[in-house]
C-alpha cells in the first residue's frame, strides 16, 4: 500500500503556483518587464499583476485559487472528486492598458522613499509584494496589510500600492 504524500505534493503544487504568480517573462520577445504587484490574502485567492512594455502597455493577471486547491488536497471527498494532481488552479489573462491613465500613477513610485525594513511575522492578513526595478533600490518590497508594517514610513508606499490595486481591479472589471 503506497504512503500518502499529500503534504509534499501540495508543496510542489504551491511551488508551481508561486512560479506562475511571480513570472516576469513577457509573452512577446519585444516586450520587457516594468513592474509586478502581488497580493496573497491568508484565506482567499492569490493574485498578481505584471506590467509589460513594448509598442503597447499590457498587464498580465494571474489568479491562483489557493483555497480551492487546499480544499481539494486536504478534504478526502473533494480529493476523490477532483483528484490530487499537482497542477495549480490558475486563471491567466492579459489586457492592454491605457498608458495615459497608467503612467501618471506609475511615475509616482519614483517619488516614494524606500521604507525602513523591519522583519515581522503575521499569522493572517494580506501579504503584498511589489517589484519595480526602476524604483525602491530594485528591491522586492513586502508588507502585511493587516497589522504589520503600518508605521508612518510605510504609508506613502501602501497608499500608492492601493491605488495601483484599484487600477488593476478596474482594468479586469473586478470591482
Protein backbone atom coordinates (compact mmCIF):
# COMPACT_ATOMS: atom_id res chain seq x y z
CA UNK A 1 0.00 0.00 0.00
CA UNK A 2 1.56 3.36 -1.02
CA UNK A 3 2.16 6.00 1.62
CA UNK A 4 0.29 9.24 1.00
CA UNK A 5 2.48 12.18 0.17
CA UNK A 6 -0.15 14.93 0.09
CA UNK A 7 1.97 17.39 2.06
CA UNK A 8 4.90 17.04 -0.35
CA UNK A 9 2.58 17.08 -3.37
CA UNK A 10 0.82 20.22 -2.13
CA UNK A 11 4.24 21.83 -1.60
CA UNK A 12 5.03 21.04 -5.25
CA UNK A 13 1.68 22.50 -6.32
CA UNK A 14 2.43 25.67 -4.31
CA UNK A 15 5.86 25.94 -5.91
CA UNK A 16 4.28 25.82 -9.38
CA UNK A 17 1.63 28.37 -8.40
CA UNK A 18 4.21 30.82 -6.98
CA UNK A 19 6.29 30.45 -10.15
CA UNK A 20 3.25 31.47 -12.22
CA UNK A 21 2.36 34.36 -9.89
CA UNK A 22 5.93 35.68 -9.92
CA UNK A 23 6.62 35.13 -13.63
CA UNK A 24 8.05 38.33 -15.10
CA UNK A 25 8.92 36.86 -18.51
CA UNK A 26 6.83 38.55 -21.21
CA UNK A 27 4.88 36.52 -23.73
CA UNK A 28 6.37 38.65 -26.53
CA UNK A 29 10.11 38.93 -27.23
CA UNK A 30 9.70 42.65 -27.95
CA UNK A 31 8.27 43.38 -24.50
CA UNK A 32 10.09 43.99 -21.26
CA UNK A 33 9.09 43.78 -17.61
CA UNK A 34 8.06 47.04 -15.96
CA UNK A 35 6.61 46.05 -12.57
CA UNK A 36 4.73 43.44 -10.51
CA UNK A 37 2.20 43.78 -7.69
CA UNK A 38 1.08 40.62 -5.88
CA UNK A 39 -1.46 40.22 -3.10
CA UNK A 40 -1.65 36.99 -1.12
CA UNK A 41 -4.58 37.01 1.34
CA UNK A 42 -4.49 34.38 4.08
CA UNK A 43 -7.86 32.83 3.22
CA UNK A 44 -8.66 33.86 -0.35
CA UNK A 45 -7.33 33.59 -3.89
CA UNK A 46 -3.83 34.92 -4.58
CA UNK A 47 -3.46 37.44 -7.39
CA UNK A 48 -0.56 39.00 -9.24
CA UNK A 49 -0.41 41.71 -11.89
CA UNK A 50 2.65 42.12 -14.09
CA UNK A 51 3.07 45.09 -16.42
CA UNK A 52 4.98 44.71 -19.68
CA UNK A 53 6.04 47.47 -22.02
CA UNK A 54 6.56 47.27 -25.78
CA UNK A 55 4.70 49.06 -28.57
CA UNK A 56 1.74 48.86 -26.20
CA UNK A 57 1.42 48.60 -22.49
CA UNK A 58 -0.27 45.48 -21.16
CA UNK A 59 -0.92 43.72 -17.87
CA UNK A 60 -0.94 40.01 -17.13
CA UNK A 61 -3.21 38.96 -14.29
CA UNK A 62 -2.62 35.59 -12.63
CA UNK A 63 -5.10 34.32 -10.04
CA UNK A 64 -4.41 31.18 -8.04
CA UNK A 65 -7.38 29.53 -6.36
CA UNK A 66 -5.31 28.54 -3.35
CA UNK A 67 -8.30 27.84 -1.06
CA UNK A 68 -9.81 25.53 -3.69
CA UNK A 69 -6.54 23.66 -4.22
CA UNK A 70 -6.02 23.36 -0.47
CA UNK A 71 -9.56 22.03 -0.02
CA UNK A 72 -9.05 19.57 -2.89
CA UNK A 73 -5.86 18.24 -1.31
CA UNK A 74 -6.90 18.00 2.30
CA UNK A 75 -10.60 17.13 2.16
CA UNK A 76 -10.77 13.42 1.22
CA UNK A 77 -14.16 13.61 -0.52
CA UNK A 78 -13.15 16.67 -2.56
CA UNK A 79 -9.86 14.98 -3.42
CA UNK A 80 -11.70 11.91 -4.66
CA UNK A 81 -13.97 14.10 -6.80
CA UNK A 82 -11.29 16.31 -8.32
CA UNK A 83 -8.06 14.38 -7.80
CA UNK A 84 -4.83 15.16 -6.01
CA UNK A 85 -2.87 16.30 -9.07
CA UNK A 86 -0.15 18.90 -8.59
CA UNK A 87 -1.37 21.33 -11.24
CA UNK A 88 -2.46 24.57 -9.55
CA UNK A 89 -5.86 26.05 -10.39
CA UNK A 90 -4.78 29.21 -12.21
CA UNK A 91 -6.60 31.83 -14.20
CA UNK A 92 -4.39 33.90 -16.52
CA UNK A 93 -5.48 36.90 -18.58
CA UNK A 94 -3.71 39.72 -20.39
CA UNK A 95 -5.14 43.10 -21.32
CA UNK A 96 -3.89 46.21 -23.00
CA UNK A 97 -3.98 49.19 -20.66
CA UNK A 98 -4.40 52.89 -21.24
CA UNK A 99 -0.96 54.49 -21.00
CA UNK A 100 -2.40 57.95 -20.30
CA UNK A 101 -4.02 56.59 -17.12
CA UNK A 102 -1.29 54.18 -16.01
CA UNK A 103 1.91 56.22 -16.42
CA UNK A 104 0.91 59.17 -14.19
CA UNK A 105 0.11 56.67 -11.43
CA UNK A 106 3.22 54.57 -12.09
CA UNK A 107 5.56 57.59 -12.12
CA UNK A 108 4.53 58.45 -8.56
CA UNK A 109 6.63 55.47 -7.44
CA UNK A 110 9.83 57.37 -8.21
CA UNK A 111 8.92 59.94 -5.54
CA UNK A 112 8.34 57.40 -2.75
CA UNK A 113 11.23 56.72 -0.40
CA UNK A 114 12.16 53.15 0.43
CA UNK A 115 10.68 52.40 3.86
CA UNK A 116 12.86 51.02 6.62
CA UNK A 117 12.77 47.26 6.53
CA UNK A 118 11.69 45.63 9.74
CA UNK A 119 11.21 41.89 9.86
CA UNK A 120 7.98 40.81 11.44
CA UNK A 121 5.69 37.84 11.33
CA UNK A 122 1.99 37.80 10.59
CA UNK A 123 -0.35 34.88 11.03
CA UNK A 124 -3.11 36.17 8.78
CA UNK A 125 -3.96 39.22 6.74
CA UNK A 126 -2.76 40.08 3.27
CA UNK A 127 0.84 39.83 2.18
CA UNK A 128 1.63 42.40 -0.53
CA UNK A 129 4.69 42.21 -2.79
CA UNK A 130 5.90 44.98 -5.07
CA UNK A 131 8.72 44.81 -7.60
CA UNK A 132 9.53 47.94 -9.60
CA UNK A 133 13.11 47.59 -10.90
CA UNK A 134 13.38 51.30 -11.66
CA UNK A 135 12.39 52.25 -8.08
CA UNK A 136 12.90 51.23 -4.46
CA UNK A 137 16.57 50.37 -4.95
CA UNK A 138 15.47 47.46 -7.18
CA UNK A 139 14.22 45.60 -4.10
CA UNK A 140 11.11 43.45 -3.94
CA UNK A 141 9.20 45.12 -1.15
CA UNK A 142 6.81 43.16 1.02
CA UNK A 143 4.41 44.06 3.80
CA UNK A 144 1.35 42.73 5.55
CA UNK A 145 -1.70 44.91 5.03
CA UNK A 146 -3.20 43.87 8.36
CA UNK A 147 -1.20 44.80 11.41
CA UNK A 148 2.41 44.64 10.27
CA UNK A 149 4.41 47.46 8.78
CA UNK A 150 1.68 50.04 9.22
CA UNK A 151 4.16 52.56 10.55
CA UNK A 152 4.05 56.03 9.06
CA UNK A 153 7.20 55.45 6.97
CA UNK A 154 5.28 52.72 5.05
CA UNK A 155 2.15 54.82 4.49
CA UNK A 156 3.18 56.54 1.20
CA UNK A 157 4.07 53.17 -0.32
CA UNK A 158 0.98 51.34 0.90
CA UNK A 159 -1.35 54.15 -0.20
CA UNK A 160 0.23 54.19 -3.68
CA UNK A 161 0.00 50.39 -3.91
CA UNK A 162 -3.71 50.56 -3.01
CA UNK A 163 -4.26 52.99 -5.91
CA UNK A 164 -2.41 50.62 -8.21
CA UNK A 165 -4.54 47.74 -6.93
CA UNK A 166 -7.73 49.71 -7.67
CA UNK A 167 -6.43 50.45 -11.17
CA UNK A 168 -5.87 46.73 -11.87
CA UNK A 169 -9.28 45.81 -10.48
CA UNK A 170 -10.86 48.32 -12.85
CA UNK A 171 -8.88 47.00 -15.85
CA UNK A 172 -10.20 43.49 -15.24
CA UNK A 173 -13.68 44.60 -14.08
CA UNK A 174 -13.22 43.01 -10.66
CA UNK A 175 -14.76 45.76 -8.54
